[in-house]
Amino acid sequence: MFSVKISKKAIKGIQKMPIKIQERMNVLLKDLRSKGPMRYEWPNFSKLNDNLYHCHLAHKWVACWKHEKQTIIIEVYYAGSRENAPY
């Protein structure tokens, strides 16, 4: 089991998403808690560098998270539109 934290910026982004995309975000959060940061089954999942990851929730919406090796903490630092994604 992993501990998933969500930054204030990510919470604001989630609140702006349509309900259907918020529900997908909740599924992603459950997957991160139970399976860890490597989520290959999610659309366009990729490793951005040694400890940063992202995937698409829908064509327009993405989530980004980080995980420091040797810890059980995953931090979602961005959730929102693809145009504003920090990668």
Protein backbone atom coordinates (compact mmCIF):
# COMPACT_ATOMS: atom_id res chain seq x y z
CA MET A 1 0.00 0.00 0.00
CA PHE A 2 1.14 3.49 -0.86
CA SER A 3 0.17 6.80 0.74
CA VAL A 4 -1.16 9.27 -1.85
CA LYS A 5 -1.02 12.99 -1.15
CA ILE A 6 -2.65 15.60 -3.38
CA SER A 7 -1.22 19.12 -3.66
CA LYS A 8 -3.47 22.18 -3.34
CA LYS A 9 -2.84 22.99 -7.00
CA ALA A 10 -3.97 19.50 -8.03
CA ILE A 11 -7.11 19.75 -5.87
CA LYS A 12 -8.04 23.02 -7.60
CA GLY A 13 -7.51 21.37 -10.98
CA ILE A 14 -9.65 18.37 -10.03
CA GLN A 15 -12.47 20.67 -8.95
CA LYS A 16 -12.48 22.25 -12.45
CA MET A 17 -12.80 18.87 -14.19
CA PRO A 18 -16.13 17.51 -15.41
CA ILE A 19 -17.68 14.99 -12.98
CA LYS A 20 -16.93 12.04 -15.29
CA ILE A 21 -13.23 12.97 -15.35
CA GLN A 22 -13.22 13.47 -11.56
CA GLU A 23 -14.52 9.91 -11.26
CA ARG A 24 -11.64 8.66 -13.46
CA MET A 25 -9.24 10.62 -11.25
CA ASN A 26 -10.63 8.79 -8.21
CA VAL A 27 -10.00 5.45 -9.95
CA LEU A 28 -6.41 6.55 -10.68
CA LEU A 29 -5.91 7.54 -7.03
CA LYS A 30 -7.14 4.10 -5.91
CA ASP A 31 -4.76 2.44 -8.39
CA LEU A 32 -1.84 4.54 -7.14
CA ARG A 33 -2.65 3.60 -3.51
CA SER A 34 -2.95 -0.09 -4.17
CA LYS A 35 -0.51 -0.69 -7.05
CA GLY A 36 2.10 2.07 -6.84
CA PRO A 37 3.40 4.75 -9.23
CA MET A 38 4.02 2.63 -12.35
CA ARG A 39 0.59 2.64 -14.02
CA TYR A 40 1.25 1.26 -17.51
CA GLU A 41 -2.42 0.40 -18.03
CA TRP A 42 -3.44 4.08 -18.03
CA PRO A 43 -3.59 5.93 -21.39
CA ASN A 44 -0.36 7.67 -22.38
CA PHE A 45 1.34 6.73 -19.10
CA SER A 46 4.96 7.79 -19.14
CA LYS A 47 7.86 8.31 -16.84
CA LEU A 48 8.89 11.96 -17.14
CA ASN A 49 12.19 11.45 -15.27
CA ASP A 50 13.53 9.34 -12.39
CA ASN A 51 10.63 10.10 -10.06
CA LEU A 52 7.97 11.97 -12.11
CA TYR A 53 5.10 10.29 -13.97
CA HIS A 54 1.96 11.25 -15.86
CA CYS A 55 -1.05 9.78 -17.65
CA HIS A 56 -4.13 10.96 -19.50
CA LEU A 57 -7.53 10.81 -17.81
CA ALA A 58 -9.16 11.75 -21.13
CA HIS A 59 -8.02 13.48 -24.32
CA LYS A 60 -7.95 16.90 -22.64
CA TRP A 61 -7.18 15.95 -19.02
CA VAL A 62 -3.98 14.68 -17.37
CA ALA A 63 -2.59 13.84 -13.96
CA CYS A 64 1.06 14.11 -12.87
CA TRP A 65 2.62 12.57 -9.77
CA LYS A 66 5.98 11.97 -8.16
CA HIS A 67 7.37 9.12 -6.12
CA GLU A 68 10.72 9.12 -4.35
CA LYS A 69 12.41 5.74 -4.46
CA GLN A 70 12.41 3.75 -1.23
CA THR A 71 9.28 5.51 0.10
CA ILE A 72 5.59 4.68 0.14
CA ILE A 73 4.53 8.28 -0.54
CA ILE A 74 3.15 9.33 -3.93
CA GLU A 75 2.31 13.01 -4.43
CA VAL A 76 -0.10 14.11 -7.14
CA TYR A 77 1.27 17.55 -7.96
CA TYR A 78 -0.88 18.38 -11.00
CA ALA A 79 -4.30 17.42 -12.30
CA GLY A 80 -5.96 19.44 -15.00
CA SER A 81 -5.97 20.33 -18.66
CA ARG A 82 -3.27 19.03 -20.95
CA GLU A 83 -2.49 22.54 -22.21
CA ASN A 84 -1.31 23.66 -18.75
CA ALA A 85 0.52 20.49 -17.75
CA PRO A 86 3.98 21.12 -16.26
CA TYR A 87 5.98 18.85 -18.58
